[in-house]
Amino acid sequence: MFSSKQLTEEQIQSIKQWASEGAQLPDIQLRMREQMDLPLTYMDTRFVILDLGIELEKKEEYPAVVEVLEPEQVTPTGQTQVTMDTIALPGALVSGKVIFSDGEKAIWKLDQTGRPSLDPNTPGYQPSQEDIVQFQQQLRSLIEKSGL
């Protein structure tokens, strides 16, 4: 196991300089191997950095820019439209999507016992009674056509 006590003052200054320039642990490990002929493991390099009290700058993995997505515009069509997924959601016998007459969207599924569930995009949304009737009729038709 390598110890930071084996480094010369010049090597220590070089490592501190690299860290102040923004070098991360893998970069320092590579430079120590190539420029100082010290083939250290990643863990040894980490211990050296800790022993020397060097703080590495944390690089952000992703840019700090946050893109705000505008909500999808809901366009009422006056009709309820039901589609069935080609591959059912996990835990569902069948599943799909529905767009109600007022433009609200939801995901539906029937579990293995035939119990239906509806997950609207808008929390707390309740479709009208007419939309529920249209949804049930279209859903029945889709299931019959699929052979289930």
N, C-alpha and C. Protein backbone atom coordinates (compact mmCIF):
# COMPACT_ATOMS: atom_id res chain seq x y z
N MET A 1 0.85 -1.17 0.00
CA MET A 1 0.00 0.00 0.00
C MET A 1 0.90 1.23 0.00
N PHE A 2 0.52 2.19 -0.80
CA PHE A 2 1.30 3.41 -0.97
C PHE A 2 0.94 4.42 0.12
N SER A 3 1.92 5.17 0.57
CA SER A 3 1.69 6.20 1.58
C SER A 3 2.10 7.56 1.02
N SER A 4 1.39 8.58 1.44
CA SER A 4 1.72 9.94 0.99
C SER A 4 3.08 10.38 1.51
N LYS A 5 3.61 9.69 2.51
CA LYS A 5 4.93 10.02 3.07
C LYS A 5 6.05 9.67 2.09
N GLN A 6 5.72 8.87 1.09
CA GLN A 6 6.72 8.48 0.09
C GLN A 6 6.88 9.54 -1.00
N LEU A 7 6.04 10.56 -0.99
CA LEU A 7 6.09 11.61 -2.01
C LEU A 7 7.08 12.70 -1.61
N THR A 8 7.71 13.28 -2.63
CA THR A 8 8.60 14.42 -2.38
C THR A 8 7.73 15.67 -2.28
N GLU A 9 8.31 16.72 -1.75
CA GLU A 9 7.58 17.99 -1.63
C GLU A 9 7.17 18.50 -3.01
N GLU A 10 8.04 18.29 -3.99
CA GLU A 10 7.74 18.71 -5.37
C GLU A 10 6.54 17.94 -5.92
N GLN A 11 6.46 16.64 -5.66
CA GLN A 11 5.34 15.83 -6.12
C GLN A 11 4.04 16.27 -5.44
N ILE A 12 4.12 16.57 -4.16
CA ILE A 12 2.94 17.02 -3.41
C ILE A 12 2.43 18.33 -4.01
N GLN A 13 3.34 19.24 -4.31
CA GLN A 13 2.94 20.53 -4.90
C GLN A 13 2.29 20.33 -6.26
N SER A 14 2.83 19.39 -7.04
CA SER A 14 2.25 19.10 -8.36
C SER A 14 0.82 18.59 -8.21
N ILE A 15 0.61 17.68 -7.28
CA ILE A 15 -0.72 17.11 -7.07
C ILE A 15 -1.70 18.20 -6.63
N LYS A 16 -1.26 19.06 -5.72
CA LYS A 16 -2.11 20.16 -5.27
C LYS A 16 -2.45 21.10 -6.42
N GLN A 17 -1.47 21.34 -7.29
CA GLN A 17 -1.68 22.21 -8.45
C GLN A 17 -2.72 21.60 -9.39
N TRP A 18 -2.60 20.29 -9.66
CA TRP A 18 -3.56 19.61 -10.54
C TRP A 18 -4.97 19.71 -9.97
N ALA A 19 -5.08 19.51 -8.66
CA ALA A 19 -6.39 19.57 -8.01
C ALA A 19 -6.97 20.98 -8.10
N SER A 20 -6.12 22.00 -7.92
CA SER A 20 -6.61 23.38 -7.99
C SER A 20 -7.04 23.75 -9.41
N GLU A 21 -6.50 23.06 -10.40
CA GLU A 21 -6.88 23.29 -11.80
C GLU A 21 -8.15 22.53 -12.17
N GLY A 22 -8.71 21.76 -11.22
CA GLY A 22 -9.96 21.05 -11.47
C GLY A 22 -9.81 19.59 -11.82
N ALA A 23 -8.59 19.04 -11.73
CA ALA A 23 -8.39 17.63 -12.03
C ALA A 23 -9.15 16.78 -11.02
N GLN A 24 -9.77 15.72 -11.49
CA GLN A 24 -10.48 14.79 -10.63
C GLN A 24 -9.57 13.60 -10.32
N LEU A 25 -10.03 12.73 -9.46
CA LEU A 25 -9.22 11.61 -8.98
C LEU A 25 -8.64 10.76 -10.12
N PRO A 26 -9.42 10.36 -11.11
CA PRO A 26 -8.84 9.57 -12.20
C PRO A 26 -7.75 10.33 -12.97
N ASP A 27 -7.94 11.65 -13.12
CA ASP A 27 -6.94 12.47 -13.80
C ASP A 27 -5.64 12.50 -13.00
N ILE A 28 -5.77 12.68 -11.70
CA ILE A 28 -4.58 12.74 -10.84
C ILE A 28 -3.88 11.39 -10.85
N GLN A 29 -4.64 10.31 -10.78
CA GLN A 29 -4.06 8.97 -10.83
C GLN A 29 -3.26 8.77 -12.12
N LEU A 30 -3.82 9.18 -13.24
CA LEU A 30 -3.15 9.03 -14.53
C LEU A 30 -1.88 9.88 -14.58
N ARG A 31 -1.97 11.11 -14.12
CA ARG A 31 -0.79 11.99 -14.14
C ARG A 31 0.31 11.46 -13.23
N MET A 32 -0.08 10.91 -12.09
CA MET A 32 0.92 10.34 -11.19
C MET A 32 1.62 9.15 -11.85
N ARG A 33 0.88 8.38 -12.60
CA ARG A 33 1.45 7.23 -13.29
C ARG A 33 2.39 7.70 -14.41
N GLU A 34 1.90 8.65 -15.22
CA GLU A 34 2.66 9.08 -16.39
C GLU A 34 3.81 10.03 -16.07
N GLN A 35 3.60 10.98 -15.17
CA GLN A 35 4.60 12.01 -14.92
C GLN A 35 5.52 11.71 -13.74
N MET A 36 5.04 10.87 -12.80
CA MET A 36 5.84 10.58 -11.62
C MET A 36 6.27 9.12 -11.54
N ASP A 37 5.82 8.33 -12.53
CA ASP A 37 6.12 6.91 -12.57
C ASP A 37 5.67 6.20 -11.29
N LEU A 38 4.47 6.57 -10.84
CA LEU A 38 3.88 5.97 -9.64
C LEU A 38 2.58 5.27 -10.04
N PRO A 39 2.63 3.97 -10.30
CA PRO A 39 1.42 3.24 -10.73
C PRO A 39 0.52 2.89 -9.55
N LEU A 40 -0.22 3.88 -9.08
CA LEU A 40 -1.10 3.70 -7.93
C LEU A 40 -2.47 3.21 -8.36
N THR A 41 -3.11 2.47 -7.46
CA THR A 41 -4.50 2.09 -7.70
C THR A 41 -5.38 3.31 -7.45
N TYR A 42 -6.61 3.22 -7.85
CA TYR A 42 -7.55 4.31 -7.63
C TYR A 42 -7.68 4.57 -6.13
N MET A 43 -7.78 3.48 -5.36
CA MET A 43 -7.96 3.63 -3.92
C MET A 43 -6.72 4.24 -3.28
N ASP A 44 -5.53 3.81 -3.70
CA ASP A 44 -4.30 4.42 -3.16
C ASP A 44 -4.26 5.91 -3.47
N THR A 45 -4.65 6.27 -4.68
CA THR A 45 -4.67 7.69 -5.06
C THR A 45 -5.65 8.45 -4.18
N ARG A 46 -6.79 7.84 -3.92
CA ARG A 46 -7.78 8.48 -3.06
C ARG A 46 -7.23 8.70 -1.65
N PHE A 47 -6.54 7.70 -1.12
CA PHE A 47 -5.96 7.84 0.22
C PHE A 47 -4.88 8.91 0.25
N VAL A 48 -4.10 9.02 -0.81
CA VAL A 48 -3.07 10.06 -0.88
C VAL A 48 -3.72 11.43 -0.84
N ILE A 49 -4.77 11.61 -1.62
CA ILE A 49 -5.49 12.89 -1.65
C ILE A 49 -6.05 13.22 -0.26
N LEU A 50 -6.61 12.22 0.39
CA LEU A 50 -7.15 12.43 1.74
C LEU A 50 -6.03 12.76 2.73
N ASP A 51 -4.92 12.00 2.66
CA ASP A 51 -3.78 12.24 3.57
C ASP A 51 -3.22 13.65 3.42
N LEU A 52 -3.20 14.15 2.18
CA LEU A 52 -2.65 15.48 1.93
C LEU A 52 -3.66 16.59 2.22
N GLY A 53 -4.90 16.21 2.52
CA GLY A 53 -5.92 17.21 2.82
C GLY A 53 -6.37 18.01 1.62
N ILE A 54 -6.29 17.41 0.45
CA ILE A 54 -6.66 18.11 -0.79
C ILE A 54 -8.15 17.93 -1.03
N GLU A 55 -8.83 19.04 -1.28
CA GLU A 55 -10.26 19.01 -1.61
C GLU A 55 -10.41 19.10 -3.12
N LEU A 56 -11.04 18.11 -3.71
CA LEU A 56 -11.27 18.13 -5.15
C LEU A 56 -12.58 18.85 -5.43
N GLU A 57 -12.59 19.62 -6.51
CA GLU A 57 -13.81 20.31 -6.92
C GLU A 57 -14.76 19.29 -7.50
N LYS A 58 -16.01 19.41 -7.11
CA LYS A 58 -17.01 18.49 -7.63
C LYS A 58 -17.52 19.02 -8.95
N LYS A 59 -17.38 18.19 -9.98
CA LYS A 59 -17.90 18.56 -11.29
C LYS A 59 -19.36 18.13 -11.37
N GLU A 60 -20.17 18.98 -11.96
CA GLU A 60 -21.56 18.63 -12.16
C GLU A 60 -21.65 17.67 -13.33
N GLU A 61 -22.38 16.60 -13.12
CA GLU A 61 -22.56 15.60 -14.17
C GLU A 61 -23.39 16.16 -15.33
N TYR A 62 -24.34 17.01 -14.98
CA TYR A 62 -25.24 17.56 -15.98
C TYR A 62 -25.21 19.08 -15.90
N PRO A 63 -25.49 19.74 -16.99
CA PRO A 63 -25.50 21.19 -16.93
C PRO A 63 -26.56 21.70 -15.96
N ALA A 64 -26.30 22.87 -15.39
CA ALA A 64 -27.21 23.44 -14.42
C ALA A 64 -28.43 24.07 -15.08
N VAL A 65 -28.48 24.09 -16.38
CA VAL A 65 -29.61 24.68 -17.09
C VAL A 65 -30.79 23.72 -16.99
N VAL A 66 -31.89 24.23 -16.54
CA VAL A 66 -33.10 23.43 -16.42
C VAL A 66 -34.08 23.91 -17.47
N GLU A 67 -34.50 22.98 -18.29
CA GLU A 67 -35.45 23.32 -19.35
C GLU A 67 -36.86 23.09 -18.81
N VAL A 68 -37.66 24.12 -18.85
CA VAL A 68 -39.02 24.02 -18.37
C VAL A 68 -39.90 23.63 -19.55
N LEU A 69 -40.56 22.49 -19.40
CA LEU A 69 -41.43 22.02 -20.45
C LEU A 69 -42.83 22.59 -20.24
N GLU A 70 -43.37 23.11 -21.30
CA GLU A 70 -44.73 23.62 -21.23
C GLU A 70 -45.70 22.44 -21.23
N PRO A 71 -46.74 22.50 -20.43
CA PRO A 71 -47.71 21.41 -20.44
C PRO A 71 -48.37 21.29 -21.82
N GLU A 72 -48.63 20.06 -22.17
CA GLU A 72 -49.25 19.78 -23.45
C GLU A 72 -50.63 20.42 -23.49
N GLN A 73 -50.91 21.08 -24.58
CA GLN A 73 -52.20 21.75 -24.70
C GLN A 73 -53.30 20.70 -24.85
N VAL A 74 -54.34 20.84 -24.04
CA VAL A 74 -55.47 19.93 -24.07
C VAL A 74 -56.51 20.50 -25.03
N THR A 75 -56.81 19.70 -26.06
CA THR A 75 -57.78 20.14 -27.05
C THR A 75 -59.02 19.25 -26.96
N PRO A 76 -60.12 19.77 -26.48
CA PRO A 76 -61.35 18.98 -26.41
C PRO A 76 -61.81 18.56 -27.80
N THR A 77 -62.15 17.28 -27.93
CA THR A 77 -62.62 16.78 -29.22
C THR A 77 -64.10 16.47 -29.22
N GLY A 78 -64.68 16.38 -28.02
CA GLY A 78 -66.10 16.04 -27.94
C GLY A 78 -66.33 14.54 -27.96
N GLN A 79 -65.29 13.76 -28.16
CA GLN A 79 -65.38 12.30 -28.20
C GLN A 79 -64.35 11.70 -27.25
N THR A 80 -64.68 10.56 -26.68
CA THR A 80 -63.72 9.81 -25.88
C THR A 80 -63.01 8.84 -26.80
N GLN A 81 -61.68 8.82 -26.73
CA GLN A 81 -60.88 7.95 -27.60
C GLN A 81 -60.06 7.01 -26.73
N VAL A 82 -60.21 5.69 -26.96
CA VAL A 82 -59.53 4.68 -26.16
C VAL A 82 -58.59 3.89 -27.05
N THR A 83 -57.35 3.69 -26.60
CA THR A 83 -56.39 2.85 -27.31
C THR A 83 -55.87 1.78 -26.36
N MET A 84 -55.40 0.66 -26.93
CA MET A 84 -54.86 -0.43 -26.13
C MET A 84 -53.37 -0.58 -26.44
N ASP A 85 -52.56 -0.74 -25.40
CA ASP A 85 -51.13 -0.94 -25.58
C ASP A 85 -50.87 -2.31 -26.21
N THR A 86 -49.83 -2.39 -27.04
CA THR A 86 -49.46 -3.69 -27.61
C THR A 86 -48.80 -4.57 -26.55
N ILE A 87 -48.12 -3.94 -25.59
CA ILE A 87 -47.53 -4.65 -24.46
C ILE A 87 -48.12 -4.03 -23.20
N ALA A 88 -48.78 -4.87 -22.41
CA ALA A 88 -49.47 -4.37 -21.21
C ALA A 88 -48.47 -3.90 -20.16
N LEU A 89 -48.91 -2.94 -19.35
CA LEU A 89 -48.10 -2.45 -18.24
C LEU A 89 -47.86 -3.58 -17.24
N PRO A 90 -46.78 -3.53 -16.49
CA PRO A 90 -46.52 -4.57 -15.49
C PRO A 90 -47.69 -4.73 -14.52
N GLY A 91 -48.08 -5.97 -14.28
CA GLY A 91 -49.18 -6.25 -13.36
C GLY A 91 -50.55 -6.14 -13.99
N ALA A 92 -50.62 -5.85 -15.28
CA ALA A 92 -51.92 -5.69 -15.95
C ALA A 92 -52.12 -6.78 -16.98
N LEU A 93 -53.37 -7.19 -17.11
CA LEU A 93 -53.74 -8.11 -18.17
C LEU A 93 -53.73 -7.36 -19.50
N VAL A 94 -54.34 -6.18 -19.50
CA VAL A 94 -54.33 -5.27 -20.65
C VAL A 94 -54.24 -3.84 -20.10
N SER A 95 -53.73 -2.95 -20.94
CA SER A 95 -53.64 -1.54 -20.54
C SER A 95 -53.69 -0.68 -21.79
N GLY A 96 -53.82 0.62 -21.57
CA GLY A 96 -53.86 1.53 -22.70
C GLY A 96 -54.03 2.97 -22.24
N LYS A 97 -54.44 3.78 -23.18
CA LYS A 97 -54.61 5.21 -22.91
C LYS A 97 -56.01 5.64 -23.33
N VAL A 98 -56.46 6.72 -22.70
CA VAL A 98 -57.77 7.27 -23.05
C VAL A 98 -57.65 8.79 -23.07
N ILE A 99 -58.33 9.39 -24.03
CA ILE A 99 -58.47 10.84 -24.09
C ILE A 99 -59.97 11.09 -24.00
N PHE A 100 -60.37 11.77 -22.93
CA PHE A 100 -61.79 12.03 -22.72
C PHE A 100 -62.24 13.20 -23.59
N SER A 101 -63.53 13.40 -23.67
CA SER A 101 -64.10 14.41 -24.56
C SER A 101 -63.62 15.82 -24.25
N ASP A 102 -63.24 16.08 -23.00
CA ASP A 102 -62.75 17.41 -22.65
C ASP A 102 -61.25 17.57 -22.87
N GLY A 103 -60.60 16.53 -23.44
CA GLY A 103 -59.18 16.58 -23.75
C GLY A 103 -58.28 16.02 -22.67
N GLU A 104 -58.83 15.67 -21.51
CA GLU A 104 -58.03 15.09 -20.43
C GLU A 104 -57.56 13.70 -20.82
N LYS A 105 -56.30 13.40 -20.45
CA LYS A 105 -55.72 12.10 -20.79
C LYS A 105 -55.54 11.26 -19.53
N ALA A 106 -55.57 9.93 -19.71
CA ALA A 106 -55.37 9.03 -18.59
C ALA A 106 -54.82 7.70 -19.11
N ILE A 107 -54.24 6.95 -18.22
CA ILE A 107 -53.79 5.59 -18.50
C ILE A 107 -54.77 4.66 -17.80
N TRP A 108 -55.21 3.62 -18.50
CA TRP A 108 -56.12 2.66 -17.90
C TRP A 108 -55.46 1.30 -17.92
N LYS A 109 -55.93 0.43 -17.03
CA LYS A 109 -55.48 -0.96 -17.07
C LYS A 109 -56.49 -1.85 -16.36
N LEU A 110 -56.49 -3.12 -16.77
CA LEU A 110 -57.27 -4.15 -16.11
C LEU A 110 -56.27 -5.13 -15.52
N ASP A 111 -56.41 -5.42 -14.21
CA ASP A 111 -55.47 -6.35 -13.59
C ASP A 111 -55.87 -7.79 -13.90
N GLN A 112 -55.14 -8.73 -13.37
CA GLN A 112 -55.36 -10.15 -13.66
C GLN A 112 -56.74 -10.65 -13.23
N THR A 113 -57.37 -9.95 -12.29
CA THR A 113 -58.70 -10.35 -11.84
C THR A 113 -59.80 -9.58 -12.56
N GLY A 114 -59.43 -8.70 -13.47
CA GLY A 114 -60.41 -7.93 -14.24
C GLY A 114 -60.80 -6.61 -13.62
N ARG A 115 -60.14 -6.23 -12.53
CA ARG A 115 -60.45 -4.94 -11.90
C ARG A 115 -59.84 -3.81 -12.72
N PRO A 116 -60.65 -2.80 -13.05
CA PRO A 116 -60.13 -1.67 -13.83
C PRO A 116 -59.50 -0.62 -12.92
N SER A 117 -58.53 0.12 -13.48
CA SER A 117 -58.00 1.29 -12.78
C SER A 117 -57.72 2.36 -13.82
N LEU A 118 -57.82 3.60 -13.38
CA LEU A 118 -57.65 4.75 -14.25
C LEU A 118 -56.70 5.72 -13.57
N ASP A 119 -55.65 6.13 -14.28
CA ASP A 119 -54.65 7.05 -13.72
C ASP A 119 -54.61 8.31 -14.60
N PRO A 120 -55.39 9.34 -14.23
CA PRO A 120 -55.42 10.55 -15.05
C PRO A 120 -54.14 11.38 -14.92
N ASN A 121 -53.81 12.13 -15.96
CA ASN A 121 -52.64 13.01 -15.92
C ASN A 121 -52.82 14.11 -14.90
N THR A 122 -54.04 14.59 -14.72
CA THR A 122 -54.35 15.63 -13.75
C THR A 122 -54.86 14.97 -12.47
N PRO A 123 -54.12 15.13 -11.37
CA PRO A 123 -54.56 14.51 -10.12
C PRO A 123 -55.97 14.96 -9.74
N GLY A 124 -56.79 14.00 -9.32
CA GLY A 124 -58.14 14.32 -8.88
C GLY A 124 -59.16 14.46 -10.00
N TYR A 125 -58.75 14.29 -11.24
CA TYR A 125 -59.68 14.45 -12.37
C TYR A 125 -60.73 13.36 -12.33
N GLN A 126 -61.98 13.75 -12.58
CA GLN A 126 -63.11 12.82 -12.67
C GLN A 126 -63.81 13.04 -14.02
N PRO A 127 -63.82 12.03 -14.88
CA PRO A 127 -64.51 12.19 -16.16
C PRO A 127 -66.02 12.26 -15.94
N SER A 128 -66.69 12.86 -16.91
CA SER A 128 -68.16 12.96 -16.82
C SER A 128 -68.78 11.57 -16.97
N GLN A 129 -70.03 11.45 -16.57
CA GLN A 129 -70.73 10.17 -16.68
C GLN A 129 -70.81 9.72 -18.13
N GLU A 130 -71.05 10.68 -19.04
CA GLU A 130 -71.12 10.36 -20.47
C GLU A 130 -69.77 9.82 -20.98
N ASP A 131 -68.67 10.43 -20.52
CA ASP A 131 -67.34 9.96 -20.91
C ASP A 131 -67.06 8.55 -20.38
N ILE A 132 -67.51 8.28 -19.16
CA ILE A 132 -67.31 6.95 -18.59
C ILE A 132 -68.06 5.90 -19.41
N VAL A 133 -69.27 6.20 -19.82
CA VAL A 133 -70.05 5.27 -20.63
C VAL A 133 -69.35 5.03 -21.97
N GLN A 134 -68.89 6.10 -22.64
CA GLN A 134 -68.18 5.95 -23.91
C GLN A 134 -66.89 5.15 -23.71
N PHE A 135 -66.17 5.43 -22.64
CA PHE A 135 -64.93 4.71 -22.33
C PHE A 135 -65.22 3.21 -22.17
N GLN A 136 -66.24 2.86 -21.40
CA GLN A 136 -66.56 1.46 -21.17
C GLN A 136 -66.97 0.75 -22.46
N GLN A 137 -67.74 1.43 -23.30
CA GLN A 137 -68.17 0.83 -24.57
C GLN A 137 -66.96 0.58 -25.48
N GLN A 138 -66.11 1.59 -25.61
CA GLN A 138 -64.94 1.43 -26.48
C GLN A 138 -63.97 0.40 -25.93
N LEU A 139 -63.81 0.38 -24.61
CA LEU A 139 -62.92 -0.59 -23.99
C LEU A 139 -63.43 -2.02 -24.23
N ARG A 140 -64.72 -2.23 -24.04
CA ARG A 140 -65.31 -3.55 -24.29
C ARG A 140 -65.06 -3.96 -25.73
N SER A 141 -65.27 -3.03 -26.66
CA SER A 141 -65.07 -3.33 -28.08
C SER A 141 -63.60 -3.69 -28.38
N LEU A 142 -62.67 -2.93 -27.82
CA LEU A 142 -61.24 -3.22 -28.02
C LEU A 142 -60.86 -4.59 -27.48
N ILE A 143 -61.35 -4.93 -26.29
CA ILE A 143 -61.01 -6.21 -25.68
C ILE A 143 -61.59 -7.36 -26.50
N GLU A 144 -62.83 -7.19 -26.99
CA GLU A 144 -63.43 -8.23 -27.82
C GLU A 144 -62.65 -8.43 -29.10
N LYS A 145 -62.21 -7.35 -29.73
CA LYS A 145 -61.43 -7.44 -30.97
C LYS A 145 -60.07 -8.09 -30.75
N SER A 146 -59.51 -7.90 -29.56
CA SER A 146 -58.19 -8.46 -29.28
C SER A 146 -58.25 -9.95 -28.98
N GLY A 147 -59.46 -10.47 -28.66
CA GLY A 147 -59.61 -11.89 -28.41
C GLY A 147 -59.37 -12.29 -26.96
N LEU A 148 -59.31 -11.36 -26.08
CA LEU A 148 -59.10 -11.69 -24.66
C LEU A 148 -60.38 -12.10 -23.99
